[in-house]
Amino acid sequence: MAGSARTRPPFFRLTVGAGAVLVADAIFLGVLGTRTGRPSLIWIAALSLAGAGLLFWLWRLHRRRWATLSEARLAVQDEVRALAELVKRQEPS
């Protein structure tokens, strides 16, 4: 099972897609609220933009944790391989 510490965490495309939808929604509602003079739409746009910012901030935290776990997993795999080599050398033929 070959892996690298630089693999993408699961749901990468889903997260990027959700963030893009939130940003596009914020832009659309902001423009619509400005043109129609409805401050409620502008507030909803601001909340949508804040949600997108929160989503990407949480994604960055998740990505860092995923990298840490991937590195730990690779270290454990290396240790298991080393122990398997040691056991093979210790077995009487």
N, C-alpha and C. Protein backbone atom coordinates (compact mmCIF):
# COMPACT_ATOMS: atom_id res chain seq x y z
N MET A 1 0.84 -1.17 0.00
CA MET A 1 0.00 0.00 0.00
C MET A 1 0.89 1.23 0.00
N ALA A 2 1.18 1.72 -1.16
CA ALA A 2 2.05 2.88 -1.26
C ALA A 2 1.23 4.15 -1.11
N GLY A 3 1.68 5.06 -0.27
CA GLY A 3 0.99 6.32 -0.08
C GLY A 3 2.00 7.40 0.19
N SER A 4 1.55 8.61 0.13
CA SER A 4 2.45 9.70 0.44
C SER A 4 1.78 10.63 1.44
N ALA A 5 2.59 11.43 2.09
CA ALA A 5 2.07 12.35 3.08
C ALA A 5 1.35 13.52 2.44
N ARG A 6 1.44 13.64 1.11
CA ARG A 6 0.84 14.78 0.42
C ARG A 6 -0.50 14.44 -0.24
N THR A 7 -1.15 13.36 0.19
CA THR A 7 -2.44 13.00 -0.39
C THR A 7 -3.50 13.98 0.06
N ARG A 8 -4.51 14.15 -0.78
CA ARG A 8 -5.60 15.06 -0.43
C ARG A 8 -6.54 14.38 0.55
N PRO A 9 -7.05 15.16 1.49
CA PRO A 9 -8.05 14.59 2.41
C PRO A 9 -9.32 14.24 1.65
N PRO A 10 -10.16 13.38 2.23
CA PRO A 10 -11.40 13.05 1.56
C PRO A 10 -12.32 14.27 1.43
N PHE A 11 -13.19 14.23 0.47
CA PHE A 11 -14.19 15.27 0.23
C PHE A 11 -13.58 16.60 -0.20
N PHE A 12 -12.43 16.56 -0.86
CA PHE A 12 -11.79 17.79 -1.32
C PHE A 12 -12.68 18.52 -2.33
N ARG A 13 -13.14 17.80 -3.33
CA ARG A 13 -13.97 18.43 -4.37
C ARG A 13 -15.29 18.92 -3.81
N LEU A 14 -15.88 18.17 -2.90
CA LEU A 14 -17.14 18.59 -2.29
C LEU A 14 -16.96 19.88 -1.51
N THR A 15 -15.88 19.99 -0.79
CA THR A 15 -15.62 21.19 0.01
C THR A 15 -15.38 22.40 -0.89
N VAL A 16 -14.59 22.22 -1.93
CA VAL A 16 -14.33 23.32 -2.86
C VAL A 16 -15.63 23.73 -3.56
N GLY A 17 -16.42 22.75 -3.95
CA GLY A 17 -17.69 23.05 -4.60
C GLY A 17 -18.65 23.80 -3.69
N ALA A 18 -18.74 23.37 -2.44
CA ALA A 18 -19.61 24.05 -1.49
C ALA A 18 -19.13 25.48 -1.23
N GLY A 19 -17.82 25.66 -1.12
CA GLY A 19 -17.28 27.01 -0.93
C GLY A 19 -17.55 27.90 -2.13
N ALA A 20 -17.41 27.34 -3.32
CA ALA A 20 -17.67 28.12 -4.54
C ALA A 20 -19.14 28.51 -4.63
N VAL A 21 -20.03 27.61 -4.26
CA VAL A 21 -21.46 27.92 -4.27
C VAL A 21 -21.77 29.03 -3.25
N LEU A 22 -21.18 28.95 -2.07
CA LEU A 22 -21.41 29.99 -1.07
C LEU A 22 -20.89 31.36 -1.53
N VAL A 23 -19.72 31.37 -2.14
CA VAL A 23 -19.18 32.65 -2.64
C VAL A 23 -20.03 33.19 -3.77
N ALA A 24 -20.42 32.33 -4.71
CA ALA A 24 -21.25 32.78 -5.82
C ALA A 24 -22.60 33.28 -5.31
N ASP A 25 -23.16 32.59 -4.33
CA ASP A 25 -24.42 33.01 -3.72
C ASP A 25 -24.26 34.37 -3.05
N ALA A 26 -23.16 34.56 -2.35
CA ALA A 26 -22.92 35.84 -1.68
C ALA A 26 -22.82 36.98 -2.70
N ILE A 27 -22.12 36.73 -3.79
CA ILE A 27 -21.98 37.76 -4.83
C ILE A 27 -23.34 38.08 -5.45
N PHE A 28 -24.07 37.03 -5.82
CA PHE A 28 -25.38 37.23 -6.43
C PHE A 28 -26.33 37.97 -5.51
N LEU A 29 -26.42 37.54 -4.25
CA LEU A 29 -27.33 38.20 -3.31
C LEU A 29 -26.87 39.62 -2.99
N GLY A 30 -25.58 39.84 -2.92
CA GLY A 30 -25.08 41.19 -2.67
C GLY A 30 -25.43 42.15 -3.78
N VAL A 31 -25.26 41.71 -5.02
CA VAL A 31 -25.61 42.55 -6.17
C VAL A 31 -27.12 42.77 -6.22
N LEU A 32 -27.88 41.71 -6.01
CA LEU A 32 -29.32 41.83 -6.04
C LEU A 32 -29.83 42.74 -4.92
N GLY A 33 -29.26 42.60 -3.73
CA GLY A 33 -29.66 43.45 -2.61
C GLY A 33 -29.30 44.91 -2.83
N THR A 34 -28.17 45.15 -3.46
CA THR A 34 -27.75 46.52 -3.75
C THR A 34 -28.65 47.15 -4.82
N ARG A 35 -28.97 46.40 -5.85
CA ARG A 35 -29.80 46.94 -6.94
C ARG A 35 -31.24 47.17 -6.52
N THR A 36 -31.77 46.30 -5.67
CA THR A 36 -33.16 46.45 -5.26
C THR A 36 -33.32 47.26 -3.98
N GLY A 37 -32.23 47.57 -3.34
CA GLY A 37 -32.30 48.35 -2.11
C GLY A 37 -32.85 47.58 -0.93
N ARG A 38 -32.60 46.28 -0.90
CA ARG A 38 -33.07 45.45 0.22
C ARG A 38 -31.89 45.08 1.10
N PRO A 39 -31.82 45.67 2.26
CA PRO A 39 -30.69 45.37 3.15
C PRO A 39 -30.70 43.93 3.67
N SER A 40 -31.87 43.30 3.73
CA SER A 40 -31.91 41.92 4.21
C SER A 40 -31.12 40.99 3.27
N LEU A 41 -31.20 41.24 1.96
CA LEU A 41 -30.43 40.43 1.02
C LEU A 41 -28.93 40.67 1.18
N ILE A 42 -28.56 41.89 1.50
CA ILE A 42 -27.15 42.20 1.71
C ILE A 42 -26.65 41.50 2.97
N TRP A 43 -27.48 41.43 4.01
CA TRP A 43 -27.08 40.72 5.23
C TRP A 43 -26.95 39.22 4.97
N ILE A 44 -27.88 38.69 4.20
CA ILE A 44 -27.78 37.26 3.87
C ILE A 44 -26.53 37.00 3.04
N ALA A 45 -26.20 37.92 2.14
CA ALA A 45 -24.97 37.78 1.35
C ALA A 45 -23.74 37.82 2.25
N ALA A 46 -23.77 38.71 3.23
CA ALA A 46 -22.64 38.79 4.17
C ALA A 46 -22.52 37.50 4.98
N LEU A 47 -23.65 36.95 5.40
CA LEU A 47 -23.61 35.68 6.15
C LEU A 47 -23.11 34.54 5.26
N SER A 48 -23.52 34.55 4.00
CA SER A 48 -23.05 33.52 3.08
C SER A 48 -21.55 33.63 2.85
N LEU A 49 -21.06 34.83 2.72
CA LEU A 49 -19.63 35.04 2.55
C LEU A 49 -18.85 34.64 3.81
N ALA A 50 -19.42 34.96 4.97
CA ALA A 50 -18.80 34.54 6.23
C ALA A 50 -18.79 33.02 6.35
N GLY A 51 -19.87 32.38 5.89
CA GLY A 51 -19.93 30.92 5.90
C GLY A 51 -18.87 30.31 5.00
N ALA A 52 -18.66 30.93 3.84
CA ALA A 52 -17.61 30.44 2.94
C ALA A 52 -16.23 30.60 3.58
N GLY A 53 -16.01 31.74 4.22
CA GLY A 53 -14.74 31.96 4.91
C GLY A 53 -14.52 30.95 6.03
N LEU A 54 -15.57 30.68 6.80
CA LEU A 54 -15.49 29.69 7.87
C LEU A 54 -15.22 28.29 7.31
N LEU A 55 -15.90 27.97 6.21
CA LEU A 55 -15.69 26.67 5.59
C LEU A 55 -14.24 26.47 5.17
N PHE A 56 -13.67 27.47 4.51
CA PHE A 56 -12.28 27.34 4.05
C PHE A 56 -11.29 27.35 5.21
N TRP A 57 -11.59 28.10 6.26
CA TRP A 57 -10.72 28.10 7.44
C TRP A 57 -10.73 26.73 8.11
N LEU A 58 -11.94 26.15 8.27
CA LEU A 58 -12.03 24.82 8.86
C LEU A 58 -11.39 23.77 7.95
N TRP A 59 -11.47 23.97 6.64
CA TRP A 59 -10.83 23.04 5.70
C TRP A 59 -9.32 23.06 5.87
N ARG A 60 -8.76 24.26 6.06
CA ARG A 60 -7.31 24.35 6.27
C ARG A 60 -6.89 23.60 7.53
N LEU A 61 -7.68 23.73 8.62
CA LEU A 61 -7.38 22.99 9.85
C LEU A 61 -7.47 21.48 9.60
N HIS A 62 -8.49 21.07 8.88
CA HIS A 62 -8.68 19.66 8.58
C HIS A 62 -7.52 19.12 7.73
N ARG A 63 -7.08 19.93 6.77
CA ARG A 63 -5.98 19.52 5.90
C ARG A 63 -4.69 19.34 6.70
N ARG A 64 -4.45 20.23 7.65
CA ARG A 64 -3.24 20.09 8.48
C ARG A 64 -3.31 18.82 9.32
N ARG A 65 -4.47 18.57 9.91
CA ARG A 65 -4.62 17.35 10.72
C ARG A 65 -4.48 16.11 9.85
N TRP A 66 -5.04 16.15 8.65
CA TRP A 66 -4.93 15.02 7.73
C TRP A 66 -3.47 14.75 7.39
N ALA A 67 -2.69 15.81 7.16
CA ALA A 67 -1.27 15.64 6.85
C ALA A 67 -0.53 15.01 8.02
N THR A 68 -0.86 15.44 9.23
CA THR A 68 -0.23 14.87 10.42
C THR A 68 -0.56 13.39 10.55
N LEU A 69 -1.83 13.05 10.33
CA LEU A 69 -2.23 11.65 10.41
C LEU A 69 -1.58 10.82 9.31
N SER A 70 -1.45 11.37 8.13
CA SER A 70 -0.81 10.64 7.03
C SER A 70 0.65 10.37 7.34
N GLU A 71 1.33 11.35 7.90
CA GLU A 71 2.73 11.16 8.28
C GLU A 71 2.87 10.11 9.36
N ALA A 72 1.96 10.14 10.33
CA ALA A 72 2.00 9.14 11.41
C ALA A 72 1.72 7.75 10.86
N ARG A 73 0.78 7.65 9.92
CA ARG A 73 0.46 6.36 9.31
C ARG A 73 1.66 5.81 8.56
N LEU A 74 2.36 6.68 7.83
CA LEU A 74 3.55 6.23 7.10
C LEU A 74 4.65 5.81 8.06
N ALA A 75 4.79 6.51 9.17
CA ALA A 75 5.80 6.13 10.16
C ALA A 75 5.49 4.77 10.76
N VAL A 76 4.22 4.51 11.03
CA VAL A 76 3.83 3.21 11.57
C VAL A 76 4.08 2.12 10.54
N GLN A 77 3.77 2.39 9.27
CA GLN A 77 4.02 1.40 8.22
C GLN A 77 5.51 1.08 8.13
N ASP A 78 6.34 2.10 8.21
CA ASP A 78 7.79 1.87 8.18
C ASP A 78 8.24 1.03 9.37
N GLU A 79 7.67 1.31 10.52
CA GLU A 79 8.04 0.56 11.72
C GLU A 79 7.59 -0.90 11.59
N VAL A 80 6.42 -1.14 11.05
CA VAL A 80 5.93 -2.51 10.86
C VAL A 80 6.83 -3.25 9.88
N ARG A 81 7.24 -2.59 8.81
CA ARG A 81 8.16 -3.22 7.85
C ARG A 81 9.49 -3.58 8.52
N ALA A 82 10.00 -2.67 9.34
CA ALA A 82 11.26 -2.93 10.04
C ALA A 82 11.12 -4.11 11.00
N LEU A 83 9.99 -4.16 11.70
CA LEU A 83 9.77 -5.29 12.61
C LEU A 83 9.62 -6.60 11.85
N ALA A 84 8.96 -6.55 10.69
CA ALA A 84 8.81 -7.76 9.88
C ALA A 84 10.18 -8.25 9.40
N GLU A 85 11.03 -7.33 9.00
CA GLU A 85 12.40 -7.71 8.58
C GLU A 85 13.16 -8.34 9.75
N LEU A 86 13.01 -7.76 10.93
CA LEU A 86 13.69 -8.29 12.12
C LEU A 86 13.21 -9.70 12.43
N VAL A 87 11.90 -9.91 12.34
CA VAL A 87 11.35 -11.24 12.62
C VAL A 87 11.85 -12.24 11.58
N LYS A 88 11.92 -11.84 10.32
CA LYS A 88 12.41 -12.75 9.27
C LYS A 88 13.86 -13.14 9.53
N ARG A 89 14.65 -12.20 9.99
CA ARG A 89 16.06 -12.51 10.25
C ARG A 89 16.23 -13.39 11.48
N GLN A 90 15.33 -13.29 12.43
CA GLN A 90 15.43 -14.06 13.68
C GLN A 90 14.90 -15.47 13.56
N GLU A 91 14.05 -15.74 12.55
CA GLU A 91 13.47 -17.09 12.41
C GLU A 91 14.55 -18.07 11.99
N PRO A 92 14.56 -19.25 12.63
CA PRO A 92 15.50 -20.27 12.19
C PRO A 92 15.03 -20.90 10.87
N SER A 93 15.95 -21.14 9.99
CA SER A 93 15.60 -21.68 8.67
C SER A 93 15.60 -23.17 8.67
